Amino acid sequence: MKEGWLRQWERKRELGKKTYVRRYGLFYFGMVAAVGTSLLELAFSASIETAYLVARFIIFPLFGMIGASIRWEANEKKYAAAVQQAGQAGKGKKPAAKGTKH
């Protein structure tokens, strides 16, 4: 497994699941998708239908949060497997002292 992904996931998992789901599902996907589709509607029809606007700001963030929650669980499983694999690969090796390079 790529060590870059592991480091990146370790930083993201420090946020906690709630913050991760809010940030990546609600805001980065949900709100961006809602605003983007509303702007496209405005550009192509020169008006925005209020009912669709309200629905977009409910549905896109909801689906984004569901998707981010599923992604969190999948990444946690992937991370646990990678840590376990690294632990098994490292058996028998002497751990490096603090402050030294491996």
C-alpha atoms as a PDB file:
ATOM      1  CA  MET A   1       0.000   0.000   0.000  1.00  0.00           C
ATOM      2  CA  LYS A   2       1.182   3.485  -0.715  1.00  0.00           C
ATOM      3  CA  GLU A   3       2.655   5.232   2.290  1.00  0.00           C
ATOM      4  CA  GLY A   4       1.424   8.574   0.956  1.00  0.00           C
ATOM      5  CA  TRP A   5      -2.160   7.370   1.210  1.00  0.00           C
ATOM      6  CA  LEU A   6      -1.549   6.101   4.739  1.00  0.00           C
ATOM      7  CA  ARG A   7      -0.151   9.445   5.882  1.00  0.00           C
ATOM      8  CA  GLN A   8      -2.961  11.329   4.169  1.00  0.00           C
ATOM      9  CA  TRP A   9      -5.614   9.102   5.747  1.00  0.00           C
ATOM     10  CA  GLU A  10      -3.988   9.417   9.182  1.00  0.00           C
ATOM     11  CA  ARG A  11      -4.344  13.201   8.915  1.00  0.00           C
ATOM     12  CA  LYS A  12      -7.957  12.958   7.766  1.00  0.00           C
ATOM     13  CA  ARG A  13      -8.936  10.405  10.413  1.00  0.00           C
ATOM     14  CA  GLU A  14      -7.661  12.760  13.120  1.00  0.00           C
ATOM     15  CA  LEU A  15     -10.656  14.950  12.207  1.00  0.00           C
ATOM     16  CA  GLY A  16     -13.026  12.265  13.411  1.00  0.00           C
ATOM     17  CA  LYS A  17     -15.864  10.784  11.437  1.00  0.00           C
ATOM     18  CA  LYS A  18     -18.384  13.582  12.123  1.00  0.00           C
ATOM     19  CA  THR A  19     -16.065  16.347  10.952  1.00  0.00           C
ATOM     20  CA  TYR A  20     -14.883  14.274   7.967  1.00  0.00           C
ATOM     21  CA  VAL A  21     -18.469  13.613   6.833  1.00  0.00           C
ATOM     22  CA  ARG A  22     -19.446  17.261   7.265  1.00  0.00           C
ATOM     23  CA  ARG A  23     -16.385  18.608   5.474  1.00  0.00           C
ATOM     24  CA  TYR A  24     -16.102  16.185   2.572  1.00  0.00           C
ATOM     25  CA  GLY A  25     -19.746  15.129   2.175  1.00  0.00           C
ATOM     26  CA  LEU A  26     -21.811  18.119   3.197  1.00  0.00           C
ATOM     27  CA  PHE A  27     -19.581  20.969   2.055  1.00  0.00           C
ATOM     28  CA  TYR A  28     -17.115  19.703  -0.560  1.00  0.00           C
ATOM     29  CA  PHE A  29     -19.640  17.562  -2.401  1.00  0.00           C
ATOM     30  CA  GLY A  30     -23.126  18.582  -1.333  1.00  0.00           C
ATOM     31  CA  MET A  31     -22.911  22.352  -1.364  1.00  0.00           C
ATOM     32  CA  VAL A  32     -20.610  22.535  -4.369  1.00  0.00           C
ATOM     33  CA  ALA A  33     -22.949  20.273  -6.355  1.00  0.00           C
ATOM     34  CA  ALA A  34     -26.041  22.246  -5.270  1.00  0.00           C
ATOM     35  CA  VAL A  35     -24.504  25.609  -6.139  1.00  0.00           C
ATOM     36  CA  GLY A  36     -23.014  24.279  -9.379  1.00  0.00           C
ATOM     37  CA  THR A  37     -26.251  22.787 -10.681  1.00  0.00           C
ATOM     38  CA  SER A  38     -28.146  25.927  -9.674  1.00  0.00           C
ATOM     39  CA  LEU A  39     -25.691  28.074 -11.613  1.00  0.00           C
ATOM     40  CA  LEU A  40     -26.056  25.787 -14.634  1.00  0.00           C
ATOM     41  CA  GLU A  41     -29.832  26.084 -14.409  1.00  0.00           C
ATOM     42  CA  LEU A  42     -29.520  29.856 -14.222  1.00  0.00           C
ATOM     43  CA  ALA A  43     -27.153  29.945 -17.193  1.00  0.00           C
ATOM     44  CA  PHE A  44     -29.330  27.772 -19.424  1.00  0.00           C
ATOM     45  CA  SER A  45     -32.830  28.889 -18.450  1.00  0.00           C
ATOM     46  CA  ALA A  46     -32.170  32.413 -17.113  1.00  0.00           C
ATOM     47  CA  SER A  47     -34.096  31.628 -13.930  1.00  0.00           C
ATOM     48  CA  ILE A  48     -33.985  29.268 -10.981  1.00  0.00           C
ATOM     49  CA  GLU A  49     -37.010  27.220  -9.988  1.00  0.00           C
ATOM     50  CA  THR A  50     -37.431  27.634  -6.216  1.00  0.00           C
ATOM     51  CA  ALA A  51     -38.657  24.089  -5.609  1.00  0.00           C
ATOM     52  CA  TYR A  52     -35.633  22.648  -7.418  1.00  0.00           C
ATOM     53  CA  LEU A  53     -33.294  24.968  -5.558  1.00  0.00           C
ATOM     54  CA  VAL A  54     -34.617  23.845  -2.170  1.00  0.00           C
ATOM     55  CA  ALA A  55     -34.493  20.200  -3.241  1.00  0.00           C
ATOM     56  CA  ARG A  56     -30.880  20.547  -4.408  1.00  0.00           C
ATOM     57  CA  PHE A  57     -29.784  22.029  -1.083  1.00  0.00           C
ATOM     58  CA  ILE A  58     -31.381  19.098   0.715  1.00  0.00           C
ATOM     59  CA  ILE A  59     -30.639  16.154  -1.590  1.00  0.00           C
ATOM     60  CA  PHE A  60     -27.060  16.849  -2.680  1.00  0.00           C
ATOM     61  CA  PRO A  61     -25.728  17.414   0.863  1.00  0.00           C
ATOM     62  CA  LEU A  62     -27.648  14.368   2.109  1.00  0.00           C
ATOM     63  CA  PHE A  63     -26.194  12.108  -0.575  1.00  0.00           C
ATOM     64  CA  GLY A  64     -22.782  13.668  -0.020  1.00  0.00           C
ATOM     65  CA  MET A  65     -22.914  12.845   3.678  1.00  0.00           C
ATOM     66  CA  ILE A  66     -24.035   9.274   2.983  1.00  0.00           C
ATOM     67  CA  GLY A  67     -21.236   8.851   0.443  1.00  0.00           C
ATOM     68  CA  ALA A  68     -18.620  10.341   2.780  1.00  0.00           C
ATOM     69  CA  SER A  69     -19.768   8.058   5.589  1.00  0.00           C
ATOM     70  CA  ILE A  70     -19.444   5.000   3.349  1.00  0.00           C
ATOM     71  CA  ARG A  71     -16.035   6.218   2.166  1.00  0.00           C
ATOM     72  CA  TRP A  72     -14.930   6.719   5.803  1.00  0.00           C
ATOM     73  CA  GLU A  73     -15.813   3.118   6.675  1.00  0.00           C
ATOM     74  CA  ALA A  74     -14.084   1.758   3.565  1.00  0.00           C
ATOM     75  CA  ASN A  75     -10.942   3.786   4.253  1.00  0.00           C
ATOM     76  CA  GLU A  76     -10.908   2.656   7.889  1.00  0.00           C
ATOM     77  CA  LYS A  77     -11.009  -1.002   6.779  1.00  0.00           C
ATOM     78  CA  LYS A  78      -8.266  -0.346   4.233  1.00  0.00           C
ATOM     79  CA  TYR A  79      -6.190   1.462   6.869  1.00  0.00           C
ATOM     80  CA  ALA A  80      -6.644  -1.301   9.474  1.00  0.00           C
ATOM     81  CA  ALA A  81      -5.573  -3.929   6.947  1.00  0.00           C
ATOM     82  CA  ALA A  82      -2.508  -1.897   5.981  1.00  0.00           C
ATOM     83  CA  VAL A  83      -1.501  -1.356   9.617  1.00  0.00           C
ATOM     84  CA  GLN A  84      -1.964  -5.046  10.372  1.00  0.00           C
ATOM     85  CA  GLN A  85       0.040  -6.013   7.302  1.00  0.00           C
ATOM     86  CA  ALA A  86       2.815  -3.595   8.259  1.00  0.00           C
ATOM     87  CA  GLY A  87       2.809  -5.023  11.786  1.00  0.00           C
ATOM     88  CA  GLN A  88       3.184  -8.566  10.483  1.00  0.00           C
ATOM     89  CA  ALA A  89       5.907  -7.541   8.060  1.00  0.00           C
ATOM     90  CA  GLY A  90       7.736  -5.793  10.880  1.00  0.00           C
ATOM     91  CA  LYS A  91       7.751  -8.790  13.253  1.00  0.00           C
ATOM     92  CA  GLY A  92      11.227  -9.765  14.220  1.00  0.00           C
ATOM     93  CA  LYS A  93      12.627  -6.362  13.351  1.00  0.00           C
ATOM     94  CA  LYS A  94      14.043  -4.202  16.066  1.00  0.00           C
ATOM     95  CA  PRO A  95      12.088  -0.929  16.315  1.00  0.00           C
ATOM     96  CA  ALA A  96      14.037   2.217  15.505  1.00  0.00           C
ATOM     97  CA  ALA A  97      14.913   4.502  18.371  1.00  0.00           C
ATOM     98  CA  LYS A  98      13.162   7.855  18.624  1.00  0.00           C
ATOM     99  CA  GLY A  99      14.724  10.510  16.453  1.00  0.00           C
ATOM    100  CA  THR A 100      16.499   8.071  14.130  1.00  0.00           C
ATOM    101  CA  LYS A 101      15.659   7.332  10.542  1.00  0.00           C
ATOM    102  CA  HIS A 102      14.504   3.874   9.555  1.00  0.00           C
END
